[in-house]
ModelCIF file with pLDDT and N, C-alpha, C, O atoms, coordinates in Angstrom:
data_MODEL
#
_entry.id   MODEL 
#
_entity.id                         1 
_entity.type                       polymer 
_entity.pdbx_number_of_molecules   1 
#
_entity_poly.entity_id                      1 
_entity_poly.type                           'polypeptide(L)' 
_entity_poly.nstd_linkage                   no 
_entity_poly.nstd_monomer                   no 
_entity_poly.pdbx_seq_one_letter_code       SFAAGGAAYIGTEMLIERISSARSGGSSMWMIYVAVAIDLSGD 
_entity_poly.pdbx_seq_one_letter_code_can   SFAAGGAAYIGTEMLIERISSARSGGSSMWMIYVAVAIDLSGD 
_entity_poly.pdbx_strand_id                 A 
#
loop_
_entity_poly_seq.entity_id 
_entity_poly_seq.num 
_entity_poly_seq.mon_id 
_entity_poly_seq.hetero 
1 1  SER n 
1 2  PHE n 
1 3  ALA n 
1 4  ALA n 
1 5  GLY n 
1 6  GLY n 
1 7  ALA n 
1 8  ALA n 
1 9  TYR n 
1 10 ILE n 
1 11 GLY n 
1 12 THR n 
1 13 GLU n 
1 14 MET n 
1 15 LEU n 
1 16 ILE n 
1 17 GLU n 
1 18 ARG n 
1 19 ILE n 
1 20 SER n 
1 21 SER n 
1 22 ALA n 
1 23 ARG n 
1 24 SER n 
1 25 GLY n 
1 26 GLY n 
1 27 SER n 
1 28 SER n 
1 29 MET n 
1 30 TRP n 
1 31 MET n 
1 32 ILE n 
1 33 TYR n 
1 34 VAL n 
1 35 ALA n 
1 36 VAL n 
1 37 ALA n 
1 38 ILE n 
1 39 ASP n 
1 40 LEU n 
1 41 SER n 
1 42 GLY n 
1 43 ASP n 
#
_struct_asym.id          A 
_struct_asym.entity_id   1 
#
loop_
_ma_qa_metric.id 
_ma_qa_metric.mode 
_ma_qa_metric.name 
_ma_qa_metric.software_group_id 
_ma_qa_metric.type 
1 global pLDDT . pLDDT 
2 local  pLDDT . pLDDT 
#
_ma_qa_metric_global.metric_id      1 
_ma_qa_metric_global.metric_value   73.60 
_ma_qa_metric_global.model_id       1 
_ma_qa_metric_global.ordinal_id     1 
#
loop_
_ma_qa_metric_local.label_asym_id 
_ma_qa_metric_local.label_comp_id 
_ma_qa_metric_local.label_seq_id 
_ma_qa_metric_local.metric_id 
_ma_qa_metric_local.metric_value 
_ma_qa_metric_local.model_id 
_ma_qa_metric_local.ordinal_id 
A SER 1  2 94.00 1 1  
A PHE 2  2 95.00 1 2  
A ALA 3  2 95.00 1 3  
A ALA 4  2 95.00 1 4  
A GLY 5  2 91.00 1 5  
A GLY 6  2 90.00 1 6  
A ALA 7  2 92.00 1 7  
A ALA 8  2 89.00 1 8  
A TYR 9  2 85.00 1 9  
A ILE 10 2 87.00 1 10 
A GLY 11 2 87.00 1 11 
A THR 12 2 81.00 1 12 
A GLU 13 2 79.00 1 13 
A MET 14 2 82.00 1 14 
A LEU 15 2 79.00 1 15 
A ILE 16 2 74.00 1 16 
A GLU 17 2 74.00 1 17 
A ARG 18 2 76.00 1 18 
A ILE 19 2 70.00 1 19 
A SER 20 2 66.00 1 20 
A SER 21 2 68.00 1 21 
A ALA 22 2 62.00 1 22 
A ARG 23 2 59.00 1 23 
A SER 24 2 52.00 1 24 
A GLY 25 2 48.00 1 25 
A GLY 26 2 50.00 1 26 
A SER 27 2 51.00 1 27 
A SER 28 2 51.00 1 28 
A MET 29 2 53.00 1 29 
A TRP 30 2 56.00 1 30 
A MET 31 2 59.00 1 31 
A ILE 32 2 59.00 1 32 
A TYR 33 2 66.00 1 33 
A VAL 34 2 66.00 1 34 
A ALA 35 2 65.00 1 35 
A VAL 36 2 72.00 1 36 
A ALA 37 2 76.00 1 37 
A ILE 38 2 73.00 1 38 
A ASP 39 2 74.00 1 39 
A LEU 40 2 80.00 1 40 
A SER 41 2 81.00 1 41 
A GLY 42 2 80.00 1 42 
A ASP 43 2 83.00 1 43 
#
loop_
_atom_site.group_PDB 
_atom_site.id 
_atom_site.type_symbol 
_atom_site.label_atom_id 
_atom_site.label_alt_id 
_atom_site.label_comp_id 
_atom_site.label_asym_id 
_atom_site.label_entity_id 
_atom_site.label_seq_id 
_atom_site.pdbx_PDB_ins_code 
_atom_site.Cartn_x 
_atom_site.Cartn_y 
_atom_site.Cartn_z 
_atom_site.occupancy 
_atom_site.B_iso_or_equiv 
_atom_site.pdbx_formal_charge 
_atom_site.auth_seq_id 
_atom_site.auth_comp_id 
_atom_site.auth_asym_id 
_atom_site.auth_atom_id 
_atom_site.pdbx_PDB_model_num 
ATOM 1   N N  . SER A 1 1  ? -20.288 3.586  -3.498  1.00 94.00 ? 1  SER A N  1 
ATOM 2   C CA . SER A 1 1  ? -19.258 2.710  -4.056  1.00 94.00 ? 1  SER A CA 1 
ATOM 3   C C  . SER A 1 1  ? -17.986 3.488  -4.398  1.00 94.00 ? 1  SER A C  1 
ATOM 4   O O  . SER A 1 1  ? -16.882 2.976  -4.215  1.00 94.00 ? 1  SER A O  1 
ATOM 5   N N  . PHE A 1 2  ? -18.133 4.717  -4.891  1.00 95.00 ? 2  PHE A N  1 
ATOM 6   C CA . PHE A 1 2  ? -16.958 5.554  -5.166  1.00 95.00 ? 2  PHE A CA 1 
ATOM 7   C C  . PHE A 1 2  ? -16.198 5.835  -3.867  1.00 95.00 ? 2  PHE A C  1 
ATOM 8   O O  . PHE A 1 2  ? -14.973 5.719  -3.821  1.00 95.00 ? 2  PHE A O  1 
ATOM 9   N N  . ALA A 1 3  ? -16.931 6.204  -2.817  1.00 95.00 ? 3  ALA A N  1 
ATOM 10  C CA . ALA A 1 3  ? -16.295 6.464  -1.527  1.00 95.00 ? 3  ALA A CA 1 
ATOM 11  C C  . ALA A 1 3  ? -15.629 5.210  -0.975  1.00 95.00 ? 3  ALA A C  1 
ATOM 12  O O  . ALA A 1 3  ? -14.558 5.289  -0.374  1.00 95.00 ? 3  ALA A O  1 
ATOM 13  N N  . ALA A 1 4  ? -16.254 4.062  -1.175  1.00 95.00 ? 4  ALA A N  1 
ATOM 14  C CA . ALA A 1 4  ? -15.673 2.806  -0.703  1.00 95.00 ? 4  ALA A CA 1 
ATOM 15  C C  . ALA A 1 4  ? -14.365 2.511  -1.431  1.00 95.00 ? 4  ALA A C  1 
ATOM 16  O O  . ALA A 1 4  ? -13.412 2.024  -0.824  1.00 95.00 ? 4  ALA A O  1 
ATOM 17  N N  . GLY A 1 5  ? -14.316 2.802  -2.726  1.00 91.00 ? 5  GLY A N  1 
ATOM 18  C CA . GLY A 1 5  ? -13.085 2.604  -3.486  1.00 91.00 ? 5  GLY A CA 1 
ATOM 19  C C  . GLY A 1 5  ? -11.967 3.503  -2.989  1.00 91.00 ? 5  GLY A C  1 
ATOM 20  O O  . GLY A 1 5  ? -10.833 3.058  -2.819  1.00 91.00 ? 5  GLY A O  1 
ATOM 21  N N  . GLY A 1 6  ? -12.290 4.778  -2.755  1.00 90.00 ? 6  GLY A N  1 
ATOM 22  C CA . GLY A 1 6  ? -11.290 5.697  -2.224  1.00 90.00 ? 6  GLY A CA 1 
ATOM 23  C C  . GLY A 1 6  ? -10.815 5.284  -0.848  1.00 90.00 ? 6  GLY A C  1 
ATOM 24  O O  . GLY A 1 6  ? -9.623  5.346  -0.550  1.00 90.00 ? 6  GLY A O  1 
ATOM 25  N N  . ALA A 1 7  ? -11.754 4.860  0.000   1.00 92.00 ? 7  ALA A N  1 
ATOM 26  C CA . ALA A 1 7  ? -11.396 4.429  1.348   1.00 92.00 ? 7  ALA A CA 1 
ATOM 27  C C  . ALA A 1 7  ? -10.526 3.177  1.311   1.00 92.00 ? 7  ALA A C  1 
ATOM 28  O O  . ALA A 1 7  ? -9.606  3.032  2.117   1.00 92.00 ? 7  ALA A O  1 
ATOM 29  N N  . ALA A 1 8  ? -10.817 2.273  0.377   1.00 89.00 ? 8  ALA A N  1 
ATOM 30  C CA . ALA A 1 8  ? -10.016 1.052  0.256   1.00 89.00 ? 8  ALA A CA 1 
ATOM 31  C C  . ALA A 1 8  ? -8.579  1.385  -0.110  1.00 89.00 ? 8  ALA A C  1 
ATOM 32  O O  . ALA A 1 8  ? -7.647  0.774  0.413   1.00 89.00 ? 8  ALA A O  1 
ATOM 33  N N  . TYR A 1 9  ? -8.393  2.347  -1.002  1.00 85.00 ? 9  TYR A N  1 
ATOM 34  C CA . TYR A 1 9  ? -7.029  2.733  -1.378  1.00 85.00 ? 9  TYR A CA 1 
ATOM 35  C C  . TYR A 1 9  ? -6.297  3.368  -0.201  1.00 85.00 ? 9  TYR A C  1 
ATOM 36  O O  . TYR A 1 9  ? -5.137  3.055  0.066   1.00 85.00 ? 9  TYR A O  1 
ATOM 37  N N  . ILE A 1 10 ? -6.994  4.270  0.502   1.00 87.00 ? 10 ILE A N  1 
ATOM 38  C CA . ILE A 1 10 ? -6.367  4.936  1.655   1.00 87.00 ? 10 ILE A CA 1 
ATOM 39  C C  . ILE A 1 10 ? -6.006  3.914  2.733   1.00 87.00 ? 10 ILE A C  1 
ATOM 40  O O  . ILE A 1 10 ? -4.923  3.970  3.314   1.00 87.00 ? 10 ILE A O  1 
ATOM 41  N N  . GLY A 1 11 ? -6.930  2.976  2.995   1.00 87.00 ? 11 GLY A N  1 
ATOM 42  C CA . GLY A 1 11 ? -6.661  1.959  4.002   1.00 87.00 ? 11 GLY A CA 1 
ATOM 43  C C  . GLY A 1 11 ? -5.473  1.088  3.632   1.00 87.00 ? 11 GLY A C  1 
ATOM 44  O O  . GLY A 1 11 ? -4.649  0.747  4.480   1.00 87.00 ? 11 GLY A O  1 
ATOM 45  N N  . THR A 1 12 ? -5.394  0.731  2.354   1.00 81.00 ? 12 THR A N  1 
ATOM 46  C CA . THR A 1 12 ? -4.271  -0.087 1.897   1.00 81.00 ? 12 THR A CA 1 
ATOM 47  C C  . THR A 1 12 ? -2.956  0.671  2.018   1.00 81.00 ? 12 THR A C  1 
ATOM 48  O O  . THR A 1 12 ? -1.938  0.107  2.419   1.00 81.00 ? 12 THR A O  1 
ATOM 49  N N  . GLU A 1 13 ? -2.986  1.949  1.669   1.00 79.00 ? 13 GLU A N  1 
ATOM 50  C CA . GLU A 1 13 ? -1.782  2.771  1.776   1.00 79.00 ? 13 GLU A CA 1 
ATOM 51  C C  . GLU A 1 13 ? -1.320  2.879  3.230   1.00 79.00 ? 13 GLU A C  1 
ATOM 52  O O  . GLU A 1 13 ? -0.122  2.825  3.511   1.00 79.00 ? 13 GLU A O  1 
ATOM 53  N N  . MET A 1 14 ? -2.272  3.032  4.150   1.00 82.00 ? 14 MET A N  1 
ATOM 54  C CA . MET A 1 14 ? -1.926  3.094  5.577   1.00 82.00 ? 14 MET A CA 1 
ATOM 55  C C  . MET A 1 14 ? -1.305  1.783  6.042   1.00 82.00 ? 14 MET A C  1 
ATOM 56  O O  . MET A 1 14 ? -0.361  1.778  6.831   1.00 82.00 ? 14 MET A O  1 
ATOM 57  N N  . LEU A 1 15 ? -1.849  0.661  5.542   1.00 79.00 ? 15 LEU A N  1 
ATOM 58  C CA . LEU A 1 15 ? -1.309  -0.644 5.908   1.00 79.00 ? 15 LEU A CA 1 
ATOM 59  C C  . LEU A 1 15 ? 0.117   -0.808 5.399   1.00 79.00 ? 15 LEU A C  1 
ATOM 60  O O  . LEU A 1 15 ? 0.982   -1.320 6.109   1.00 79.00 ? 15 LEU A O  1 
ATOM 61  N N  . ILE A 1 16 ? 0.357   -0.371 4.167   1.00 74.00 ? 16 ILE A N  1 
ATOM 62  C CA . ILE A 1 16 ? 1.708   -0.451 3.600   1.00 74.00 ? 16 ILE A CA 1 
ATOM 63  C C  . ILE A 1 16 ? 2.685   0.369  4.434   1.00 74.00 ? 16 ILE A C  1 
ATOM 64  O O  . ILE A 1 16 ? 3.788   -0.090 4.731   1.00 74.00 ? 16 ILE A O  1 
ATOM 65  N N  . GLU A 1 17 ? 2.282   1.580  4.811   1.00 74.00 ? 17 GLU A N  1 
ATOM 66  C CA . GLU A 1 17 ? 3.158   2.435  5.614   1.00 74.00 ? 17 GLU A CA 1 
ATOM 67  C C  . GLU A 1 17 ? 3.450   1.803  6.968   1.00 74.00 ? 17 GLU A C  1 
ATOM 68  O O  . GLU A 1 17 ? 4.568   1.902  7.474   1.00 74.00 ? 17 GLU A O  1 
ATOM 69  N N  . ARG A 1 18 ? 2.445   1.153  7.555   1.00 76.00 ? 18 ARG A N  1 
ATOM 70  C CA . ARG A 1 18 ? 2.655   0.506  8.855   1.00 76.00 ? 18 ARG A CA 1 
ATOM 71  C C  . ARG A 1 18 ? 3.628   -0.661 8.734   1.00 76.00 ? 18 ARG A C  1 
ATOM 72  O O  . ARG A 1 18 ? 4.520   -0.830 9.566   1.00 76.00 ? 18 ARG A O  1 
ATOM 73  N N  . ILE A 1 19 ? 3.444   -1.468 7.678   1.00 70.00 ? 19 ILE A N  1 
ATOM 74  C CA . ILE A 1 19 ? 4.349   -2.595 7.461   1.00 70.00 ? 19 ILE A CA 1 
ATOM 75  C C  . ILE A 1 19 ? 5.761   -2.092 7.193   1.00 70.00 ? 19 ILE A C  1 
ATOM 76  O O  . ILE A 1 19 ? 6.741   -2.643 7.696   1.00 70.00 ? 19 ILE A O  1 
ATOM 77  N N  . SER A 1 20 ? 5.847   -1.021 6.381   1.00 66.00 ? 20 SER A N  1 
ATOM 78  C CA . SER A 1 20 ? 7.146   -0.464 6.024   1.00 66.00 ? 20 SER A CA 1 
ATOM 79  C C  . SER A 1 20 ? 7.889   0.060  7.244   1.00 66.00 ? 20 SER A C  1 
ATOM 80  O O  . SER A 1 20 ? 9.092   -0.164 7.384   1.00 66.00 ? 20 SER A O  1 
ATOM 81  N N  . SER A 1 21 ? 7.180   0.756  8.130   1.00 68.00 ? 21 SER A N  1 
ATOM 82  C CA . SER A 1 21 ? 7.823   1.320  9.315   1.00 68.00 ? 21 SER A CA 1 
ATOM 83  C C  . SER A 1 21 ? 8.258   0.243  10.298  1.00 68.00 ? 21 SER A C  1 
ATOM 84  O O  . SER A 1 21 ? 9.166   0.462  11.100  1.00 68.00 ? 21 SER A O  1 
ATOM 85  N N  . ALA A 1 22 ? 7.608   -0.932 10.239  1.00 62.00 ? 22 ALA A N  1 
ATOM 86  C CA . ALA A 1 22 ? 7.956   -2.023 11.149  1.00 62.00 ? 22 ALA A CA 1 
ATOM 87  C C  . ALA A 1 22 ? 9.145   -2.830 10.655  1.00 62.00 ? 22 ALA A C  1 
ATOM 88  O O  . ALA A 1 22 ? 9.706   -3.641 11.392  1.00 62.00 ? 22 ALA A O  1 
ATOM 89  N N  . ARG A 1 23 ? 9.528   -2.604 9.403   1.00 59.00 ? 23 ARG A N  1 
ATOM 90  C CA . ARG A 1 23 ? 10.646  -3.348 8.827   1.00 59.00 ? 23 ARG A CA 1 
ATOM 91  C C  . ARG A 1 23 ? 11.904  -2.498 8.825   1.00 59.00 ? 23 ARG A C  1 
ATOM 92  O O  . ARG A 1 23 ? 11.843  -1.275 8.945   1.00 59.00 ? 23 ARG A O  1 
ATOM 93  N N  . SER A 1 24 ? 13.016  -3.143 8.689   1.00 52.00 ? 24 SER A N  1 
ATOM 94  C CA . SER A 1 24 ? 14.293  -2.425 8.592   1.00 52.00 ? 24 SER A CA 1 
ATOM 95  C C  . SER A 1 24 ? 14.982  -2.821 7.301   1.00 52.00 ? 24 SER A C  1 
ATOM 96  O O  . SER A 1 24 ? 14.615  -3.821 6.685   1.00 52.00 ? 24 SER A O  1 
ATOM 97  N N  . GLY A 1 25 ? 15.950  -2.069 6.894   1.00 48.00 ? 25 GLY A N  1 
ATOM 98  C CA . GLY A 1 25 ? 16.727  -2.421 5.708   1.00 48.00 ? 25 GLY A CA 1 
ATOM 99  C C  . GLY A 1 25 ? 15.964  -2.172 4.437   1.00 48.00 ? 25 GLY A C  1 
ATOM 100 O O  . GLY A 1 25 ? 16.064  -1.091 3.856   1.00 48.00 ? 25 GLY A O  1 
ATOM 101 N N  . GLY A 1 26 ? 15.187  -3.170 3.982   1.00 50.00 ? 26 GLY A N  1 
ATOM 102 C CA . GLY A 1 26 ? 14.530  -3.088 2.682   1.00 50.00 ? 26 GLY A CA 1 
ATOM 103 C C  . GLY A 1 26 ? 13.142  -2.518 2.745   1.00 50.00 ? 26 GLY A C  1 
ATOM 104 O O  . GLY A 1 26 ? 12.313  -2.841 1.894   1.00 50.00 ? 26 GLY A O  1 
ATOM 105 N N  . SER A 1 27 ? 12.849  -1.675 3.725   1.00 51.00 ? 27 SER A N  1 
ATOM 106 C CA . SER A 1 27 ? 11.492  -1.158 3.886   1.00 51.00 ? 27 SER A CA 1 
ATOM 107 C C  . SER A 1 27 ? 11.057  -0.340 2.675   1.00 51.00 ? 27 SER A C  1 
ATOM 108 O O  . SER A 1 27 ? 9.919   -0.468 2.222   1.00 51.00 ? 27 SER A O  1 
ATOM 109 N N  . SER A 1 28 ? 11.953  0.504  2.143   1.00 51.00 ? 28 SER A N  1 
ATOM 110 C CA . SER A 1 28 ? 11.582  1.313  0.987   1.00 51.00 ? 28 SER A CA 1 
ATOM 111 C C  . SER A 1 28 ? 11.272  0.428  -0.210  1.00 51.00 ? 28 SER A C  1 
ATOM 112 O O  . SER A 1 28 ? 10.298  0.655  -0.928  1.00 51.00 ? 28 SER A O  1 
ATOM 113 N N  . MET A 1 29 ? 12.098  -0.570 -0.414  1.00 53.00 ? 29 MET A N  1 
ATOM 114 C CA . MET A 1 29 ? 11.874  -1.518 -1.499  1.00 53.00 ? 29 MET A CA 1 
ATOM 115 C C  . MET A 1 29 ? 10.533  -2.208 -1.329  1.00 53.00 ? 29 MET A C  1 
ATOM 116 O O  . MET A 1 29 ? 9.779   -2.352 -2.291  1.00 53.00 ? 29 MET A O  1 
ATOM 117 N N  . TRP A 1 30 ? 10.231  -2.637 -0.106  1.00 56.00 ? 30 TRP A N  1 
ATOM 118 C CA . TRP A 1 30 ? 8.970   -3.331 0.171   1.00 56.00 ? 30 TRP A CA 1 
ATOM 119 C C  . TRP A 1 30 ? 7.781   -2.421 -0.121  1.00 56.00 ? 30 TRP A C  1 
ATOM 120 O O  . TRP A 1 30 ? 6.812   -2.854 -0.746  1.00 56.00 ? 30 TRP A O  1 
ATOM 121 N N  . MET A 1 31 ? 7.842   -1.183 0.317   1.00 59.00 ? 31 MET A N  1 
ATOM 122 C CA . MET A 1 31 ? 6.725   -0.274 0.138   1.00 59.00 ? 31 MET A CA 1 
ATOM 123 C C  . MET A 1 31 ? 6.474   0.020  -1.341  1.00 59.00 ? 31 MET A C  1 
ATOM 124 O O  . MET A 1 31 ? 5.328   0.013  -1.790  1.00 59.00 ? 31 MET A O  1 
ATOM 125 N N  . ILE A 1 32 ? 7.524   0.273  -2.086  1.00 59.00 ? 32 ILE A N  1 
ATOM 126 C CA . ILE A 1 32 ? 7.374   0.548  -3.511  1.00 59.00 ? 32 ILE A CA 1 
ATOM 127 C C  . ILE A 1 32 ? 6.779   -0.658 -4.226  1.00 59.00 ? 32 ILE A C  1 
ATOM 128 O O  . ILE A 1 32 ? 5.867   -0.518 -5.041  1.00 59.00 ? 32 ILE A O  1 
ATOM 129 N N  . TYR A 1 33 ? 7.302   -1.846 -3.917  1.00 66.00 ? 33 TYR A N  1 
ATOM 130 C CA . TYR A 1 33 ? 6.835   -3.056 -4.594  1.00 66.00 ? 33 TYR A CA 1 
ATOM 131 C C  . TYR A 1 33 ? 5.357   -3.307 -4.312  1.00 66.00 ? 33 TYR A C  1 
ATOM 132 O O  . TYR A 1 33 ? 4.579   -3.547 -5.235  1.00 66.00 ? 33 TYR A O  1 
ATOM 133 N N  . VAL A 1 34 ? 4.967   -3.253 -3.033  1.00 66.00 ? 34 VAL A N  1 
ATOM 134 C CA . VAL A 1 34 ? 3.580   -3.528 -2.665  1.00 66.00 ? 34 VAL A CA 1 
ATOM 135 C C  . VAL A 1 34 ? 2.645   -2.479 -3.263  1.00 66.00 ? 34 VAL A C  1 
ATOM 136 O O  . VAL A 1 34 ? 1.558   -2.814 -3.732  1.00 66.00 ? 34 VAL A O  1 
ATOM 137 N N  . ALA A 1 35 ? 3.061   -1.211 -3.248  1.00 65.00 ? 35 ALA A N  1 
ATOM 138 C CA . ALA A 1 35 ? 2.217   -0.145 -3.787  1.00 65.00 ? 35 ALA A CA 1 
ATOM 139 C C  . ALA A 1 35 ? 1.929   -0.371 -5.270  1.00 65.00 ? 35 ALA A C  1 
ATOM 140 O O  . ALA A 1 35 ? 0.786   -0.244 -5.707  1.00 65.00 ? 35 ALA A O  1 
ATOM 141 N N  . VAL A 1 36 ? 2.952   -0.704 -6.037  1.00 72.00 ? 36 VAL A N  1 
ATOM 142 C CA . VAL A 1 36 ? 2.754   -0.927 -7.475  1.00 72.00 ? 36 VAL A CA 1 
ATOM 143 C C  . VAL A 1 36 ? 1.954   -2.204 -7.718  1.00 72.00 ? 36 VAL A C  1 
ATOM 144 O O  . VAL A 1 36 ? 1.123   -2.249 -8.625  1.00 72.00 ? 36 VAL A O  1 
ATOM 145 N N  . ALA A 1 37 ? 2.197   -3.243 -6.918  1.00 76.00 ? 37 ALA A N  1 
ATOM 146 C CA . ALA A 1 37 ? 1.436   -4.484 -7.054  1.00 76.00 ? 37 ALA A CA 1 
ATOM 147 C C  . ALA A 1 37 ? -0.047  -4.230 -6.815  1.00 76.00 ? 37 ALA A C  1 
ATOM 148 O O  . ALA A 1 37 ? -0.892  -4.769 -7.530  1.00 76.00 ? 37 ALA A O  1 
ATOM 149 N N  . ILE A 1 38 ? -0.367  -3.418 -5.818  1.00 73.00 ? 38 ILE A N  1 
ATOM 150 C CA . ILE A 1 38 ? -1.769  -3.088 -5.539  1.00 73.00 ? 38 ILE A CA 1 
ATOM 151 C C  . ILE A 1 38 ? -2.359  -2.263 -6.673  1.00 73.00 ? 38 ILE A C  1 
ATOM 152 O O  . ILE A 1 38 ? -3.510  -2.465 -7.060  1.00 73.00 ? 38 ILE A O  1 
ATOM 153 N N  . ASP A 1 39 ? -1.574  -1.335 -7.205  1.00 74.00 ? 39 ASP A N  1 
ATOM 154 C CA . ASP A 1 39 ? -2.057  -0.517 -8.320  1.00 74.00 ? 39 ASP A CA 1 
ATOM 155 C C  . ASP A 1 39 ? -2.388  -1.393 -9.529  1.00 74.00 ? 39 ASP A C  1 
ATOM 156 O O  . ASP A 1 39 ? -3.427  -1.207 -10.163 1.00 74.00 ? 39 ASP A O  1 
ATOM 157 N N  . LEU A 1 40 ? -1.511  -2.343 -9.851  1.00 80.00 ? 40 LEU A N  1 
ATOM 158 C CA . LEU A 1 40 ? -1.770  -3.232 -10.984 1.00 80.00 ? 40 LEU A CA 1 
ATOM 159 C C  . LEU A 1 40 ? -2.923  -4.186 -10.687 1.00 80.00 ? 40 LEU A C  1 
ATOM 160 O O  . LEU A 1 40 ? -3.653  -4.578 -11.597 1.00 80.00 ? 40 LEU A O  1 
ATOM 161 N N  . SER A 1 41 ? -3.092  -4.562 -9.421  1.00 81.00 ? 41 SER A N  1 
ATOM 162 C CA . SER A 1 41 ? -4.254  -5.370 -9.055  1.00 81.00 ? 41 SER A CA 1 
ATOM 163 C C  . SER A 1 41 ? -5.538  -4.581 -9.307  1.00 81.00 ? 41 SER A C  1 
ATOM 164 O O  . SER A 1 41 ? -6.541  -5.139 -9.750  1.00 81.00 ? 41 SER A O  1 
ATOM 165 N N  . GLY A 1 42 ? -5.497  -3.272 -9.020  1.00 80.00 ? 42 GLY A N  1 
ATOM 166 C CA . GLY A 1 42 ? -6.637  -2.419 -9.328  1.00 80.00 ? 42 GLY A CA 1 
ATOM 167 C C  . GLY A 1 42 ? -6.911  -2.347 -10.817 1.00 80.00 ? 42 GLY A C  1 
ATOM 168 O O  . GLY A 1 42 ? -8.067  -2.331 -11.239 1.00 80.00 ? 42 GLY A O  1 
ATOM 169 N N  . ASP A 1 43 ? -5.849  -2.304 -11.619 1.00 83.00 ? 43 ASP A N  1 
ATOM 170 C CA . ASP A 1 43 ? -6.026  -2.335 -13.075 1.00 83.00 ? 43 ASP A CA 1 
ATOM 171 C C  . ASP A 1 43 ? -6.719  -3.622 -13.500 1.00 83.00 ? 43 ASP A C  1 
ATOM 172 O O  . ASP A 1 43 ? -6.955  -3.831 -14.690 1.00 83.00 ? 43 ASP A O  1 
#
């Protein structure tokens, strides 16, 4: 379960980076927002 939690975070981070690289303009804003939203969802 610990490994699954770590893998879930890594997978989510990879997804955010992929979405961010596919966007233009506000990609940095999008990545920061989604990353913090996921972190608070984990909380």
